[in-house]
C-alpha atoms as a PDB file:
ATOM      1  CA  MET A   1      29.474 -24.928  34.660  1.00  0.00           C
ATOM      2  CA  LEU A   2      30.261 -22.366  37.309  1.00  0.00           C
ATOM      3  CA  SER A   3      27.379 -21.415  39.629  1.00  0.00           C
ATOM      4  CA  ILE A   4      27.687 -18.032  41.271  1.00  0.00           C
ATOM      5  CA  ALA A   5      25.389 -17.178  44.138  1.00  0.00           C
ATOM      6  CA  PHE A   6      25.277 -14.048  46.267  1.00  0.00           C
ATOM      7  CA  PRO A   7      26.824 -14.809  49.641  1.00  0.00           C
ATOM      8  CA  ASP A   8      24.579 -14.844  52.711  1.00  0.00           C
ATOM      9  CA  PRO A   9      26.742 -14.072  55.727  1.00  0.00           C
ATOM     10  CA  VAL A  10      23.922 -13.155  58.098  1.00  0.00           C
ATOM     11  CA  GLY A  11      21.581 -16.118  57.431  1.00  0.00           C
ATOM     12  CA  LEU A  12      18.676 -14.149  55.960  1.00  0.00           C
ATOM     13  CA  GLY A  13      18.770 -15.794  52.538  1.00  0.00           C
ATOM     14  CA  SER A  14      20.779 -14.851  49.532  1.00  0.00           C
ATOM     15  CA  THR A  15      17.929 -13.095  47.689  1.00  0.00           C
ATOM     16  CA  PHE A  16      17.093 -10.939  50.708  1.00  0.00           C
ATOM     17  CA  ALA A  17      20.778 -10.156  51.319  1.00  0.00           C
ATOM     18  CA  LEU A  18      21.155  -9.084  47.628  1.00  0.00           C
ATOM     19  CA  SER A  19      18.063  -6.885  47.966  1.00  0.00           C
ATOM     20  CA  LEU A  20      19.475  -5.211  51.056  1.00  0.00           C
ATOM     21  CA  ILE A  21      22.868  -4.466  49.513  1.00  0.00           C
ATOM     22  CA  MET A  22      21.207  -3.191  46.267  1.00  0.00           C
ATOM     23  CA  PHE A  23      19.086  -0.826  48.425  1.00  0.00           C
ATOM     24  CA  ALA A  24      22.147   0.355  50.304  1.00  0.00           C
ATOM     25  CA  GLU A  25      24.333   0.834  47.290  1.00  0.00           C
ATOM     26  CA  PHE A  26      21.741   2.635  45.201  1.00  0.00           C
ATOM     27  CA  PHE A  27      19.437   4.596  47.438  1.00  0.00           C
ATOM     28  CA  CYS A  28      21.801   5.325  50.322  1.00  0.00           C
ATOM     29  CA  SER A  29      24.515   6.386  47.950  1.00  0.00           C
ATOM     30  CA  LEU A  30      21.986   8.635  46.183  1.00  0.00           C
ATOM     31  CA  LEU A  31      21.000  10.138  49.500  1.00  0.00           C
ATOM     32  CA  LEU A  32      24.651  10.819  50.284  1.00  0.00           C
ATOM     33  CA  ILE A  33      25.175  12.500  46.915  1.00  0.00           C
ATOM     34  CA  VAL A  34      22.089  14.731  47.458  1.00  0.00           C
ATOM     35  CA  GLY A  35      22.983  15.368  51.117  1.00  0.00           C
ATOM     36  CA  LEU A  36      19.757  14.137  52.665  1.00  0.00           C
ATOM     37  CA  PHE A  37      19.748  11.935  55.791  1.00  0.00           C
ATOM     38  CA  SER A  38      23.561  11.557  55.535  1.00  0.00           C
ATOM     39  CA  ARG A  39      23.968  10.072  58.997  1.00  0.00           C
ATOM     40  CA  LEU A  40      21.357   7.363  58.389  1.00  0.00           C
ATOM     41  CA  ALA A  41      22.445   6.723  54.825  1.00  0.00           C
ATOM     42  CA  THR A  42      26.046   6.043  55.762  1.00  0.00           C
ATOM     43  CA  VAL A  43      25.224   3.261  58.285  1.00  0.00           C
ATOM     44  CA  PRO A  44      23.956   0.646  55.726  1.00  0.00           C
ATOM     45  CA  LEU A  45      26.894   1.453  53.443  1.00  0.00           C
ATOM     46  CA  MET A  46      29.331   0.868  56.296  1.00  0.00           C
ATOM     47  CA  ILE A  47      27.631  -2.393  57.191  1.00  0.00           C
ATOM     48  CA  GLY A  48      27.734  -3.522  53.526  1.00  0.00           C
ATOM     49  CA  MET A  49      31.398  -2.740  53.172  1.00  0.00           C
ATOM     50  CA  SER A  50      32.201  -4.426  56.461  1.00  0.00           C
ATOM     51  CA  VAL A  51      30.418  -7.587  55.413  1.00  0.00           C
ATOM     52  CA  ALA A  52      32.147  -7.496  51.980  1.00  0.00           C
ATOM     53  CA  ALA A  53      35.566  -7.045  53.514  1.00  0.00           C
ATOM     54  CA  PHE A  54      35.444  -9.330  56.547  1.00  0.00           C
ATOM     55  CA  PHE A  55      32.926 -12.033  55.645  1.00  0.00           C
ATOM     56  CA  ALA A  56      32.635 -12.339  51.884  1.00  0.00           C
ATOM     57  CA  HIS A  57      36.441 -12.064  51.303  1.00  0.00           C
ATOM     58  CA  ALA A  58      37.550 -13.859  54.469  1.00  0.00           C
ATOM     59  CA  GLY A  59      40.463 -16.153  53.846  1.00  0.00           C
ATOM     60  CA  GLN A  60      41.399 -14.365  50.661  1.00  0.00           C
ATOM     61  CA  PRO A  61      44.619 -12.308  50.189  1.00  0.00           C
ATOM     62  CA  PHE A  62      44.548  -8.706  51.314  1.00  0.00           C
ATOM     63  CA  MET A  63      44.276  -7.477  47.678  1.00  0.00           C
ATOM     64  CA  ALA A  64      40.755  -8.904  47.539  1.00  0.00           C
ATOM     65  CA  MET A  65      39.766  -7.082  50.740  1.00  0.00           C
ATOM     66  CA  GLU A  66      41.570  -3.853  49.909  1.00  0.00           C
ATOM     67  CA  LEU A  67      38.812  -2.024  47.995  1.00  0.00           C
ATOM     68  CA  PRO A  68      35.972  -2.709  50.510  1.00  0.00           C
ATOM     69  CA  ILE A  69      38.273  -1.648  53.340  1.00  0.00           C
ATOM     70  CA  ILE A  70      39.111   1.590  51.531  1.00  0.00           C
ATOM     71  CA  TYR A  71      35.416   2.316  51.012  1.00  0.00           C
ATOM     72  CA  LEU A  72      34.769   1.520  54.676  1.00  0.00           C
ATOM     73  CA  CYS A  73      37.434   3.978  55.725  1.00  0.00           C
ATOM     74  CA  ILE A  74      35.847   6.610  53.465  1.00  0.00           C
ATOM     75  CA  TYR A  75      32.465   6.025  55.046  1.00  0.00           C
ATOM     76  CA  LEU A  76      33.981   6.152  58.539  1.00  0.00           C
ATOM     77  CA  CYS A  77      35.596   9.512  57.722  1.00  0.00           C
ATOM     78  CA  ASN A  78      32.336  10.653  56.246  1.00  0.00           C
ATOM     79  CA  ILE A  79      30.321   9.785  59.379  1.00  0.00           C
ATOM     80  CA  PHE A  80      33.023  11.325  61.581  1.00  0.00           C
ATOM     81  CA  ILE A  81      32.899  14.595  59.664  1.00  0.00           C
ATOM     82  CA  ILE A  82      29.074  14.657  59.698  1.00  0.00           C
ATOM     83  CA  CYS A  83      28.687  13.762  63.395  1.00  0.00           C
ATOM     84  CA  VAL A  84      31.614  15.433  65.054  1.00  0.00           C
ATOM     85  CA  ILE A  85      32.610  18.406  63.038  1.00  0.00           C
ATOM     86  CA  VAL A  86      29.356  19.592  61.604  1.00  0.00           C
END
């Protein structure tokens, strides 16, 4: 039987790491959609995509890391637009 556990790259426990990423993906994305606290809401999303791309998919082919890297680039462009241009 295959046992799948959420990865714990920062050493805080897999349940706590799952809770943090669920908060970031749901609430921070919702804040970005509404346009509230966009600078603060983008940071946890960038951290989550960085961990997904460079820790959770480390050692895998680039195709496994491609989607988190694309999302990370989108969040970087978003924070650049919010902080520099606006």
